[in-house]
Amino acid sequence: MLRENVTDLLFFLAVARERSFTRAAAQLGVSQSALSHTVRQLEERMGVRLLTRTTRSVSPTPAGERLLRSLTPRFQEIEAELFAVTELRERPAGTIRITSVDYAVDTYIWPKLAGVLKDYPDIHVEIINDYGLTDIVAERFDAGVRLGQTVANGMIAVRIAPDQAFAVVGSPSYFEGRNRPIIPQDLTAHKCINLRLPTHGGNYVWEFEKGSDELRVRVDGQMTFNGIRQVLAAAVDGYGLAYAPYDLVQPDIESGRLIRVLEDWCPPWTGYHLYYPSRRQPSSAFAVVLEALRYRG
């Protein structure tokens, strides 16, 4: 009975967390029909319905929600202990999951990891590009990467990059017949290219600072993307102004493909940090990744 329930409970937890038999089956590496059959057998043995199923969604019942809350920390403890035992091996091993944005991955994360991971073939790194400010605990990431001022409270943060300035840029063709903005409020008269933040359900608000003045401006325009490189491409093509990391747009500024404006309103911000829960006991594999990414000036 216990042996059967352990596997069935793991299947139930996957479905309850993902709210989907399809995603849970892919995660577990089993067929959707086998997963559904296993969960239904668990419900029959327990004599209580754990999941509410419709054609469009799956959600825990009150009993399922109670079981989910009860089992999750216990299985996490077991998983942590099993992982700790594997750390007794001589070679660091395991999978490290990191959520970041593509610019930070391309500029700071991958260039550093590429020079290290060949020496640690048992370390597997999964990097997910996401502008949604993911909850790394809820989504079971080992760490996240954000600009320093956006790291959530209660996290350990380690700098992995120098301070980062942003820039407002537009193409020469866009500025033909238009006045260049002098202050952030002038942006309301311009077409701007938005960056969508999935988690927040809205567009990124452009942030400015000059002396003691701090402004947040919601902009509007014809195009919205959920990746910064697409925003930049649209700016080069003359579809409006873009707000992007200066290092990313610097080559286009120097080549004349883009013109920078509002420079005096865009001071450097605290650079990218890798952050993780303070209660997390770093594994030897995580320590290797952390040291590889650490900014040394």
C-alpha atoms as a PDB file:
ATOM      1  CA  MET A   1       0.000   0.000   0.000  1.00  0.00           C
ATOM      2  CA  LEU A   2       2.738   2.475   0.990  1.00  0.00           C
ATOM      3  CA  ARG A   3       4.874   1.685  -2.065  1.00  0.00           C
ATOM      4  CA  GLU A   4       1.921   2.236  -4.388  1.00  0.00           C
ATOM      5  CA  ASN A   5       0.910   5.463  -2.681  1.00  0.00           C
ATOM      6  CA  VAL A   6       4.364   7.067  -2.904  1.00  0.00           C
ATOM      7  CA  THR A   7       4.380   6.903  -6.699  1.00  0.00           C
ATOM      8  CA  ASP A   8       0.717   7.880  -6.947  1.00  0.00           C
ATOM      9  CA  LEU A   9       1.214  10.831  -4.627  1.00  0.00           C
ATOM     10  CA  LEU A  10       4.143  12.071  -6.686  1.00  0.00           C
ATOM     11  CA  PHE A  11       1.915  11.916  -9.770  1.00  0.00           C
ATOM     12  CA  PHE A  12      -0.868  13.774  -7.951  1.00  0.00           C
ATOM     13  CA  LEU A  13       1.547  16.508  -6.788  1.00  0.00           C
ATOM     14  CA  ALA A  14       2.781  17.058 -10.339  1.00  0.00           C
ATOM     15  CA  VAL A  15      -0.756  17.481 -11.689  1.00  0.00           C
ATOM     16  CA  ALA A  16      -1.846  19.711  -8.785  1.00  0.00           C
ATOM     17  CA  ARG A  17       1.170  21.993  -9.190  1.00  0.00           C
ATOM     18  CA  GLU A  18       0.988  22.227 -12.970  1.00  0.00           C
ATOM     19  CA  ARG A  19      -2.840  22.426 -13.082  1.00  0.00           C
ATOM     20  CA  SER A  20      -2.568  20.281 -16.192  1.00  0.00           C
ATOM     21  CA  PHE A  21      -2.345  16.557 -16.965  1.00  0.00           C
ATOM     22  CA  THR A  22      -0.538  17.372 -20.212  1.00  0.00           C
ATOM     23  CA  ARG A  23       2.249  19.420 -18.608  1.00  0.00           C
ATOM     24  CA  ALA A  24       2.563  17.036 -15.664  1.00  0.00           C
ATOM     25  CA  ALA A  25       2.836  14.022 -17.967  1.00  0.00           C
ATOM     26  CA  ALA A  26       5.596  15.739 -19.947  1.00  0.00           C
ATOM     27  CA  GLN A  27       7.405  16.608 -16.728  1.00  0.00           C
ATOM     28  CA  LEU A  28       7.176  13.045 -15.406  1.00  0.00           C
ATOM     29  CA  GLY A  29       7.924  11.352 -18.709  1.00  0.00           C
ATOM     30  CA  VAL A  30       4.731   9.272 -18.762  1.00  0.00           C
ATOM     31  CA  SER A  31       1.678   9.223 -20.993  1.00  0.00           C
ATOM     32  CA  GLN A  32      -1.267  11.453 -20.159  1.00  0.00           C
ATOM     33  CA  SER A  33      -3.616   8.474 -20.025  1.00  0.00           C
ATOM     34  CA  ALA A  34      -1.350   6.574 -17.608  1.00  0.00           C
ATOM     35  CA  LEU A  35      -1.098   9.634 -15.396  1.00  0.00           C
ATOM     36  CA  SER A  36      -4.871  10.160 -15.355  1.00  0.00           C
ATOM     37  CA  HIS A  37      -5.441   6.466 -14.561  1.00  0.00           C
ATOM     38  CA  THR A  38      -2.946   6.542 -11.684  1.00  0.00           C
ATOM     39  CA  VAL A  39      -4.494   9.622 -10.081  1.00  0.00           C
ATOM     40  CA  ARG A  40      -7.977   8.181 -10.444  1.00  0.00           C
ATOM     41  CA  GLN A  41      -6.829   4.973  -8.720  1.00  0.00           C
ATOM     42  CA  LEU A  42      -5.429   7.047  -5.862  1.00  0.00           C
ATOM     43  CA  GLU A  43      -8.769   8.830  -5.488  1.00  0.00           C
ATOM     44  CA  GLU A  44     -10.611   5.518  -5.452  1.00  0.00           C
ATOM     45  CA  ARG A  45      -8.344   4.045  -2.773  1.00  0.00           C
ATOM     46  CA  MET A  46      -8.689   7.153  -0.611  1.00  0.00           C
ATOM     47  CA  GLY A  47     -12.417   7.450  -1.243  1.00  0.00           C
ATOM     48  CA  VAL A  48     -12.239  11.181  -1.937  1.00  0.00           C
ATOM     49  CA  ARG A  49     -11.950  13.288  -5.077  1.00  0.00           C
ATOM     50  CA  LEU A  50      -8.661  15.206  -5.157  1.00  0.00           C
ATOM     51  CA  LEU A  51      -8.929  17.022  -8.490  1.00  0.00           C
ATOM     52  CA  THR A  52     -11.686  18.851 -10.305  1.00  0.00           C
ATOM     53  CA  ARG A  53     -11.431  18.212 -14.038  1.00  0.00           C
ATOM     54  CA  THR A  54     -13.018  20.213 -16.834  1.00  0.00           C
ATOM     55  CA  THR A  55     -12.309  20.268 -20.554  1.00  0.00           C
ATOM     56  CA  ARG A  56     -10.127  23.339 -20.073  1.00  0.00           C
ATOM     57  CA  SER A  57      -8.591  23.120 -16.626  1.00  0.00           C
ATOM     58  CA  VAL A  58      -7.589  20.992 -13.663  1.00  0.00           C
ATOM     59  CA  SER A  59      -7.617  22.256 -10.085  1.00  0.00           C
ATOM     60  CA  PRO A  60      -7.394  20.668  -6.634  1.00  0.00           C
ATOM     61  CA  THR A  61     -10.566  20.136  -4.633  1.00  0.00           C
ATOM     62  CA  PRO A  62     -10.509  21.290  -0.989  1.00  0.00           C
ATOM     63  CA  ALA A  63      -9.275  17.810  -0.053  1.00  0.00           C
ATOM     64  CA  GLY A  64      -6.692  17.928  -2.826  1.00  0.00           C
ATOM     65  CA  GLU A  65      -5.548  21.387  -1.757  1.00  0.00           C
ATOM     66  CA  ARG A  66      -5.077  20.153   1.808  1.00  0.00           C
ATOM     67  CA  LEU A  67      -3.086  17.145   0.595  1.00  0.00           C
ATOM     68  CA  LEU A  68      -0.984  19.388  -1.661  1.00  0.00           C
ATOM     69  CA  ARG A  69      -0.095  21.745   1.208  1.00  0.00           C
ATOM     70  CA  SER A  70       0.730  18.845   3.496  1.00  0.00           C
ATOM     71  CA  LEU A  71       2.811  16.758   1.111  1.00  0.00           C
ATOM     72  CA  THR A  72       4.799  19.440  -0.706  1.00  0.00           C
ATOM     73  CA  PRO A  73       7.196  20.358   2.139  1.00  0.00           C
ATOM     74  CA  ARG A  74       7.657  16.706   3.090  1.00  0.00           C
ATOM     75  CA  PHE A  75       8.622  15.625  -0.410  1.00  0.00           C
ATOM     76  CA  GLN A  76      10.867  18.681  -0.713  1.00  0.00           C
ATOM     77  CA  GLU A  77      12.657  17.590   2.478  1.00  0.00           C
ATOM     78  CA  ILE A  78      13.110  14.087   1.100  1.00  0.00           C
ATOM     79  CA  GLU A  79      14.367  15.469  -2.193  1.00  0.00           C
ATOM     80  CA  ALA A  80      16.813  17.757  -0.374  1.00  0.00           C
ATOM     81  CA  GLU A  81      18.174  14.885   1.707  1.00  0.00           C
ATOM     82  CA  LEU A  82      18.608  12.654  -1.318  1.00  0.00           C
ATOM     83  CA  PHE A  83      20.386  15.459  -3.100  1.00  0.00           C
ATOM     84  CA  ALA A  84      22.609  16.054  -0.061  1.00  0.00           C
ATOM     85  CA  VAL A  85      23.665  12.407  -0.111  1.00  0.00           C
ATOM     86  CA  THR A  86      24.682  12.666  -3.776  1.00  0.00           C
ATOM     87  CA  GLU A  87      26.898  15.591  -2.789  1.00  0.00           C
ATOM     88  CA  LEU A  88      29.137  13.122  -0.935  1.00  0.00           C
ATOM     89  CA  ARG A  89      30.440  12.113  -4.346  1.00  0.00           C
ATOM     90  CA  GLU A  90      33.848  13.460  -5.262  1.00  0.00           C
ATOM     91  CA  ARG A  91      32.607  15.297  -8.349  1.00  0.00           C
ATOM     92  CA  PRO A  92      29.933  18.033  -8.077  1.00  0.00           C
ATOM     93  CA  ALA A  93      26.787  16.841  -9.804  1.00  0.00           C
ATOM     94  CA  GLY A  94      23.154  17.774 -10.226  1.00  0.00           C
ATOM     95  CA  THR A  95      20.841  20.088 -12.146  1.00  0.00           C
ATOM     96  CA  ILE A  96      20.820  23.834 -11.479  1.00  0.00           C
ATOM     97  CA  ARG A  97      17.775  25.746 -12.760  1.00  0.00           C
ATOM     98  CA  ILE A  98      18.108  29.508 -13.294  1.00  0.00           C
ATOM     99  CA  THR A  99      15.551  32.031 -14.500  1.00  0.00           C
ATOM    100  CA  SER A 100      16.821  35.206 -16.131  1.00  0.00           C
ATOM    101  CA  VAL A 101      16.277  37.551 -19.072  1.00  0.00           C
ATOM    102  CA  ASP A 102      17.906  36.875 -22.432  1.00  0.00           C
ATOM    103  CA  TYR A 103      20.167  39.945 -22.306  1.00  0.00           C
ATOM    104  CA  ALA A 104      21.710  38.869 -18.985  1.00  0.00           C
ATOM    105  CA  VAL A 105      22.068  35.285 -20.243  1.00  0.00           C
ATOM    106  CA  ASP A 106      23.839  36.326 -23.434  1.00  0.00           C
ATOM    107  CA  THR A 107      26.040  38.975 -21.823  1.00  0.00           C
ATOM    108  CA  TYR A 108      26.919  37.720 -18.350  1.00  0.00           C
ATOM    109  CA  ILE A 109      25.726  34.183 -17.650  1.00  0.00           C
ATOM    110  CA  TRP A 110      26.604  32.025 -20.633  1.00  0.00           C
ATOM    111  CA  PRO A 111      30.020  33.600 -21.382  1.00  0.00           C
ATOM    112  CA  LYS A 112      31.111  32.733 -17.827  1.00  0.00           C
ATOM    113  CA  LEU A 113      29.551  29.272 -17.643  1.00  0.00           C
ATOM    114  CA  ALA A 114      30.891  28.281 -21.057  1.00  0.00           C
ATOM    115  CA  GLY A 115      34.420  28.457 -19.721  1.00  0.00           C
ATOM    116  CA  VAL A 116      33.689  26.350 -16.642  1.00  0.00           C
ATOM    117  CA  LEU A 117      31.111  23.632 -17.284  1.00  0.00           C
ATOM    118  CA  LYS A 118      33.349  21.538 -19.528  1.00  0.00           C
ATOM    119  CA  ASP A 119      35.329  20.716 -16.387  1.00  0.00           C
ATOM    120  CA  TYR A 120      32.158  19.512 -14.617  1.00  0.00           C
ATOM    121  CA  PRO A 121      30.311  17.137 -16.960  1.00  0.00           C
ATOM    122  CA  ASP A 122      27.986  15.957 -14.155  1.00  0.00           C
ATOM    123  CA  ILE A 123      26.589  19.459 -13.588  1.00  0.00           C
ATOM    124  CA  HIS A 124      23.545  20.209 -15.735  1.00  0.00           C
ATOM    125  CA  VAL A 125      22.321  23.803 -16.034  1.00  0.00           C
ATOM    126  CA  GLU A 126      18.833  24.753 -17.220  1.00  0.00           C
ATOM    127  CA  ILE A 127      18.381  28.451 -18.019  1.00  0.00           C
ATOM    128  CA  ILE A 128      14.897  29.822 -18.679  1.00  0.00           C
ATOM    129  CA  ASN A 129      14.472  33.243 -20.309  1.00  0.00           C
ATOM    130  CA  ASP A 130      11.579  34.980 -18.571  1.00  0.00           C
ATOM    131  CA  TYR A 131      10.618  38.644 -18.193  1.00  0.00           C
ATOM    132  CA  GLY A 132       7.851  37.771 -15.748  1.00  0.00           C
ATOM    133  CA  LEU A 133       9.788  38.265 -12.491  1.00  0.00           C
ATOM    134  CA  THR A 134       9.222  34.608 -11.613  1.00  0.00           C
ATOM    135  CA  ASP A 135       8.769  33.440  -8.026  1.00  0.00           C
ATOM    136  CA  ILE A 136      11.792  31.124  -7.911  1.00  0.00           C
ATOM    137  CA  VAL A 137      10.555  29.262  -4.825  1.00  0.00           C
ATOM    138  CA  ALA A 138       7.087  28.523  -6.211  1.00  0.00           C
ATOM    139  CA  GLU A 139       8.473  27.559  -9.633  1.00  0.00           C
ATOM    140  CA  ARG A 140      11.275  25.470  -8.099  1.00  0.00           C
ATOM    141  CA  PHE A 141      14.208  27.343  -9.559  1.00  0.00           C
ATOM    142  CA  ASP A 142      17.537  27.192  -7.760  1.00  0.00           C
ATOM    143  CA  ALA A 143      18.246  30.840  -8.503  1.00  0.00           C
ATOM    144  CA  GLY A 144      17.159  33.872 -10.469  1.00  0.00           C
ATOM    145  CA  VAL A 145      18.941  36.820 -12.056  1.00  0.00           C
ATOM    146  CA  ARG A 146      17.654  40.384 -11.767  1.00  0.00           C
ATOM    147  CA  LEU A 147      18.925  43.919 -11.463  1.00  0.00           C
ATOM    148  CA  GLY A 148      19.990  44.534  -7.885  1.00  0.00           C
ATOM    149  CA  GLN A 149      17.145  46.836  -6.865  1.00  0.00           C
ATOM    150  CA  THR A 150      14.481  44.354  -7.974  1.00  0.00           C
ATOM    151  CA  VAL A 151      15.680  41.367  -5.923  1.00  0.00           C
ATOM    152  CA  ALA A 152      12.965  40.260  -3.491  1.00  0.00           C
ATOM    153  CA  ASN A 153      13.464  40.620   0.249  1.00  0.00           C
ATOM    154  CA  GLY A 154      14.721  37.581   2.119  1.00  0.00           C
ATOM    155  CA  MET A 155      17.002  36.446  -0.692  1.00  0.00           C
ATOM    156  CA  ILE A 156      20.771  36.082  -0.769  1.00  0.00           C
ATOM    157  CA  ALA A 157      22.017  38.189  -3.685  1.00  0.00           C
ATOM    158  CA  VAL A 158      25.438  37.905  -5.322  1.00  0.00           C
ATOM    159  CA  ARG A 159      26.539  40.476  -7.887  1.00  0.00           C
ATOM    160  CA  ILE A 160      27.370  38.944 -11.281  1.00  0.00           C
ATOM    161  CA  ALA A 161      27.691  42.109 -13.412  1.00  0.00           C
ATOM    162  CA  PRO A 162      28.777  45.763 -13.194  1.00  0.00           C
ATOM    163  CA  ASP A 163      26.303  48.596 -12.784  1.00  0.00           C
ATOM    164  CA  GLN A 164      23.896  48.832 -15.688  1.00  0.00           C
ATOM    165  CA  ALA A 165      22.659  51.985 -17.424  1.00  0.00           C
ATOM    166  CA  PHE A 166      19.595  52.024 -19.649  1.00  0.00           C
ATOM    167  CA  ALA A 167      19.128  54.152 -22.736  1.00  0.00           C
ATOM    168  CA  VAL A 168      16.217  55.602 -24.691  1.00  0.00           C
ATOM    169  CA  VAL A 169      16.976  55.291 -28.391  1.00  0.00           C
ATOM    170  CA  GLY A 170      15.341  55.824 -31.771  1.00  0.00           C
ATOM    171  CA  SER A 171      16.426  55.554 -35.384  1.00  0.00           C
ATOM    172  CA  PRO A 172      17.362  58.590 -37.519  1.00  0.00           C
ATOM    173  CA  SER A 173      14.343  57.882 -39.733  1.00  0.00           C
ATOM    174  CA  TYR A 174      12.022  57.973 -36.701  1.00  0.00           C
ATOM    175  CA  PHE A 175      13.299  61.388 -35.621  1.00  0.00           C
ATOM    176  CA  GLU A 176      12.782  62.939 -39.064  1.00  0.00           C
ATOM    177  CA  GLY A 177      10.179  65.677 -38.598  1.00  0.00           C
ATOM    178  CA  ARG A 178       9.911  65.023 -34.832  1.00  0.00           C
ATOM    179  CA  ASN A 179      11.310  66.897 -31.853  1.00  0.00           C
ATOM    180  CA  ARG A 180      13.562  64.826 -29.646  1.00  0.00           C
ATOM    181  CA  PRO A 181      12.308  64.384 -26.062  1.00  0.00           C
ATOM    182  CA  ILE A 182      14.034  66.614 -23.518  1.00  0.00           C
ATOM    183  CA  ILE A 183      12.317  65.363 -20.365  1.00  0.00           C
ATOM    184  CA  PRO A 184      10.625  61.997 -19.709  1.00  0.00           C
ATOM    185  CA  GLN A 185       7.162  63.563 -19.878  1.00  0.00           C
ATOM    186  CA  ASP A 186       7.815  64.331 -23.569  1.00  0.00           C
ATOM    187  CA  LEU A 187       7.570  60.583 -24.273  1.00  0.00           C
ATOM    188  CA  THR A 188       3.782  60.798 -24.183  1.00  0.00           C
ATOM    189  CA  ALA A 189       3.967  62.574 -27.557  1.00  0.00           C
ATOM    190  CA  HIS A 190       6.120  59.820 -29.081  1.00  0.00           C
ATOM    191  CA  LYS A 191       5.567  56.314 -30.393  1.00  0.00           C
ATOM    192  CA  CYS A 192       7.321  53.918 -28.045  1.00  0.00           C
ATOM    193  CA  ILE A 193       7.967  50.183 -28.239  1.00  0.00           C
ATOM    194  CA  ASN A 194       6.709  48.332 -25.183  1.00  0.00           C
ATOM    195  CA  LEU A 195       8.123  45.330 -23.356  1.00  0.00           C
ATOM    196  CA  ARG A 196       5.461  43.011 -21.930  1.00  0.00           C
ATOM    197  CA  LEU A 197       5.941  41.560 -18.442  1.00  0.00           C
ATOM    198  CA  PRO A 198       3.836  38.362 -18.341  1.00  0.00           C
ATOM    199  CA  THR A 199       3.644  38.010 -14.563  1.00  0.00           C
ATOM    200  CA  HIS A 200       2.448  41.570 -14.034  1.00  0.00           C
ATOM    201  CA  GLY A 201      -0.076  41.406 -16.858  1.00  0.00           C
ATOM    202  CA  GLY A 202       1.109  44.710 -18.285  1.00  0.00           C
ATOM    203  CA  ASN A 203       3.952  46.574 -19.962  1.00  0.00           C
ATOM    204  CA  TYR A 204       7.221  47.568 -18.380  1.00  0.00           C
ATOM    205  CA  VAL A 205       7.101  51.115 -17.007  1.00  0.00           C
ATOM    206  CA  TRP A 206      10.102  53.192 -18.106  1.00  0.00           C
ATOM    207  CA  GLU A 207      12.048  54.477 -15.105  1.00  0.00           C
ATOM    208  CA  PHE A 208      14.052  57.702 -14.939  1.00  0.00           C
ATOM    209  CA  GLU A 209      16.083  59.550 -12.368  1.00  0.00           C
ATOM    210  CA  LYS A 210      17.811  62.925 -12.265  1.00  0.00           C
ATOM    211  CA  GLY A 211      19.120  64.320  -9.012  1.00  0.00           C
ATOM    212  CA  SER A 212      16.330  63.854  -6.478  1.00  0.00           C
ATOM    213  CA  ASP A 213      13.660  63.449  -9.155  1.00  0.00           C
ATOM    214  CA  GLU A 214      12.436  59.934  -9.947  1.00  0.00           C
ATOM    215  CA  LEU A 215       9.826  59.344 -12.654  1.00  0.00           C
ATOM    216  CA  ARG A 216       8.001  56.306 -13.994  1.00  0.00           C
ATOM    217  CA  VAL A 217       6.420  56.786 -17.411  1.00  0.00           C
ATOM    218  CA  ARG A 218       3.894  54.507 -19.106  1.00  0.00           C
ATOM    219  CA  VAL A 219       4.457  54.743 -22.830  1.00  0.00           C
ATOM    220  CA  ASP A 220       2.336  53.824 -25.826  1.00  0.00           C
ATOM    221  CA  GLY A 221       3.000  52.785 -29.395  1.00  0.00           C
ATOM    222  CA  GLN A 222       2.203  50.421 -32.223  1.00  0.00           C
ATOM    223  CA  MET A 223       4.463  47.512 -31.175  1.00  0.00           C
ATOM    224  CA  THR A 224       4.787  45.396 -28.019  1.00  0.00           C
ATOM    225  CA  PHE A 225       7.172  42.464 -27.548  1.00  0.00           C
ATOM    226  CA  ASN A 226       8.122  40.154 -24.688  1.00  0.00           C
ATOM    227  CA  GLY A 227      11.841  40.151 -25.558  1.00  0.00           C
ATOM    228  CA  ILE A 228      14.283  43.050 -25.480  1.00  0.00           C
ATOM    229  CA  ARG A 229      16.083  42.102 -28.697  1.00  0.00           C
ATOM    230  CA  GLN A 230      12.818  42.300 -30.653  1.00  0.00           C
ATOM    231  CA  VAL A 231      12.179  45.730 -29.100  1.00  0.00           C
ATOM    232  CA  LEU A 232      15.591  46.865 -30.298  1.00  0.00           C
ATOM    233  CA  ALA A 233      15.047  45.502 -33.816  1.00  0.00           C
ATOM    234  CA  ALA A 234      11.780  47.434 -34.098  1.00  0.00           C
ATOM    235  CA  ALA A 235      13.534  50.612 -32.959  1.00  0.00           C
ATOM    236  CA  VAL A 236      16.221  50.178 -35.626  1.00  0.00           C
ATOM    237  CA  ASP A 237      13.438  49.775 -38.191  1.00  0.00           C
ATOM    238  CA  GLY A 238      11.951  53.129 -37.169  1.00  0.00           C
ATOM    239  CA  TYR A 239       8.827  51.967 -35.301  1.00  0.00           C
ATOM    240  CA  GLY A 240       9.480  54.164 -32.287  1.00  0.00           C
ATOM    241  CA  LEU A 241      11.625  54.721 -29.229  1.00  0.00           C
ATOM    242  CA  ALA A 242      13.048  51.835 -27.217  1.00  0.00           C
ATOM    243  CA  TYR A 243      14.222  51.574 -23.617  1.00  0.00           C
ATOM    244  CA  ALA A 244      17.050  49.057 -23.387  1.00  0.00           C
ATOM    245  CA  PRO A 245      20.361  48.294 -21.642  1.00  0.00           C
ATOM    246  CA  TYR A 246      23.009  50.701 -22.879  1.00  0.00           C
ATOM    247  CA  ASP A 247      25.557  47.945 -23.515  1.00  0.00           C
ATOM    248  CA  LEU A 248      23.069  46.287 -25.856  1.00  0.00           C
ATOM    249  CA  VAL A 249      22.366  49.412 -27.914  1.00  0.00           C
ATOM    250  CA  GLN A 250      25.878  50.895 -27.803  1.00  0.00           C
ATOM    251  CA  PRO A 251      27.039  49.322 -31.104  1.00  0.00           C
ATOM    252  CA  ASP A 252      23.975  50.718 -32.903  1.00  0.00           C
ATOM    253  CA  ILE A 253      24.533  54.141 -31.357  1.00  0.00           C
ATOM    254  CA  GLU A 254      28.178  54.166 -32.412  1.00  0.00           C
ATOM    255  CA  SER A 255      27.265  53.062 -35.950  1.00  0.00           C
ATOM    256  CA  GLY A 256      24.584  55.758 -36.248  1.00  0.00           C
ATOM    257  CA  ARG A 257      21.736  53.258 -36.605  1.00  0.00           C
ATOM    258  CA  LEU A 258      20.239  54.601 -33.348  1.00  0.00           C
ATOM    259  CA  ILE A 259      20.274  57.975 -31.605  1.00  0.00           C
ATOM    260  CA  ARG A 260      20.268  58.227 -27.814  1.00  0.00           C
ATOM    261  CA  VAL A 261      18.040  60.727 -26.018  1.00  0.00           C
ATOM    262  CA  LEU A 262      17.288  61.576 -22.371  1.00  0.00           C
ATOM    263  CA  GLU A 263      20.793  60.469 -21.420  1.00  0.00           C
ATOM    264  CA  ASP A 264      20.869  62.811 -18.412  1.00  0.00           C
ATOM    265  CA  TRP A 265      17.783  61.007 -17.040  1.00  0.00           C
ATOM    266  CA  CYS A 266      19.330  57.525 -17.219  1.00  0.00           C
ATOM    267  CA  PRO A 267      22.013  57.101 -14.545  1.00  0.00           C
ATOM    268  CA  PRO A 268      23.537  53.650 -13.898  1.00  0.00           C
ATOM    269  CA  TRP A 269      21.563  51.207 -11.770  1.00  0.00           C
ATOM    270  CA  THR A 270      22.837  48.427  -9.575  1.00  0.00           C
ATOM    271  CA  GLY A 271      23.876  45.639 -11.931  1.00  0.00           C
ATOM    272  CA  TYR A 272      22.551  42.105 -12.280  1.00  0.00           C
ATOM    273  CA  HIS A 273      22.619  39.821  -9.254  1.00  0.00           C
ATOM    274  CA  LEU A 274      22.085  36.103  -8.910  1.00  0.00           C
ATOM    275  CA  TYR A 275      19.744  35.496  -5.979  1.00  0.00           C
ATOM    276  CA  TYR A 276      18.473  32.447  -4.108  1.00  0.00           C
ATOM    277  CA  PRO A 277      16.509  31.719  -0.903  1.00  0.00           C
ATOM    278  CA  SER A 278      18.412  32.384   2.309  1.00  0.00           C
ATOM    279  CA  ARG A 279      17.217  29.080   3.744  1.00  0.00           C
ATOM    280  CA  ARG A 280      18.639  27.125   0.820  1.00  0.00           C
ATOM    281  CA  GLN A 281      21.723  25.022   1.573  1.00  0.00           C
ATOM    282  CA  PRO A 282      23.874  25.471  -1.548  1.00  0.00           C
ATOM    283  CA  SER A 283      25.046  22.213  -3.097  1.00  0.00           C
ATOM    284  CA  SER A 284      28.563  21.762  -4.417  1.00  0.00           C
ATOM    285  CA  ALA A 285      27.169  21.995  -7.964  1.00  0.00           C
ATOM    286  CA  PHE A 286      25.410  25.259  -7.126  1.00  0.00           C
ATOM    287  CA  ALA A 287      28.623  26.563  -5.546  1.00  0.00           C
ATOM    288  CA  VAL A 288      30.507  25.896  -8.789  1.00  0.00           C
ATOM    289  CA  VAL A 289      27.920  27.848 -10.799  1.00  0.00           C
ATOM    290  CA  LEU A 290      27.841  30.667  -8.242  1.00  0.00           C
ATOM    291  CA  GLU A 291      31.621  31.105  -8.237  1.00  0.00           C
ATOM    292  CA  ALA A 292      31.719  31.047 -12.024  1.00  0.00           C
ATOM    293  CA  LEU A 293      29.150  33.845 -12.233  1.00  0.00           C
ATOM    294  CA  ARG A 294      30.419  36.009  -9.355  1.00  0.00           C
ATOM    295  CA  TYR A 295      31.437  39.535 -10.440  1.00  0.00           C
ATOM    296  CA  ARG A 296      35.026  40.351  -9.567  1.00  0.00           C
ATOM    297  CA  GLY A 297      35.278  43.918 -10.807  1.00  0.00           C
END
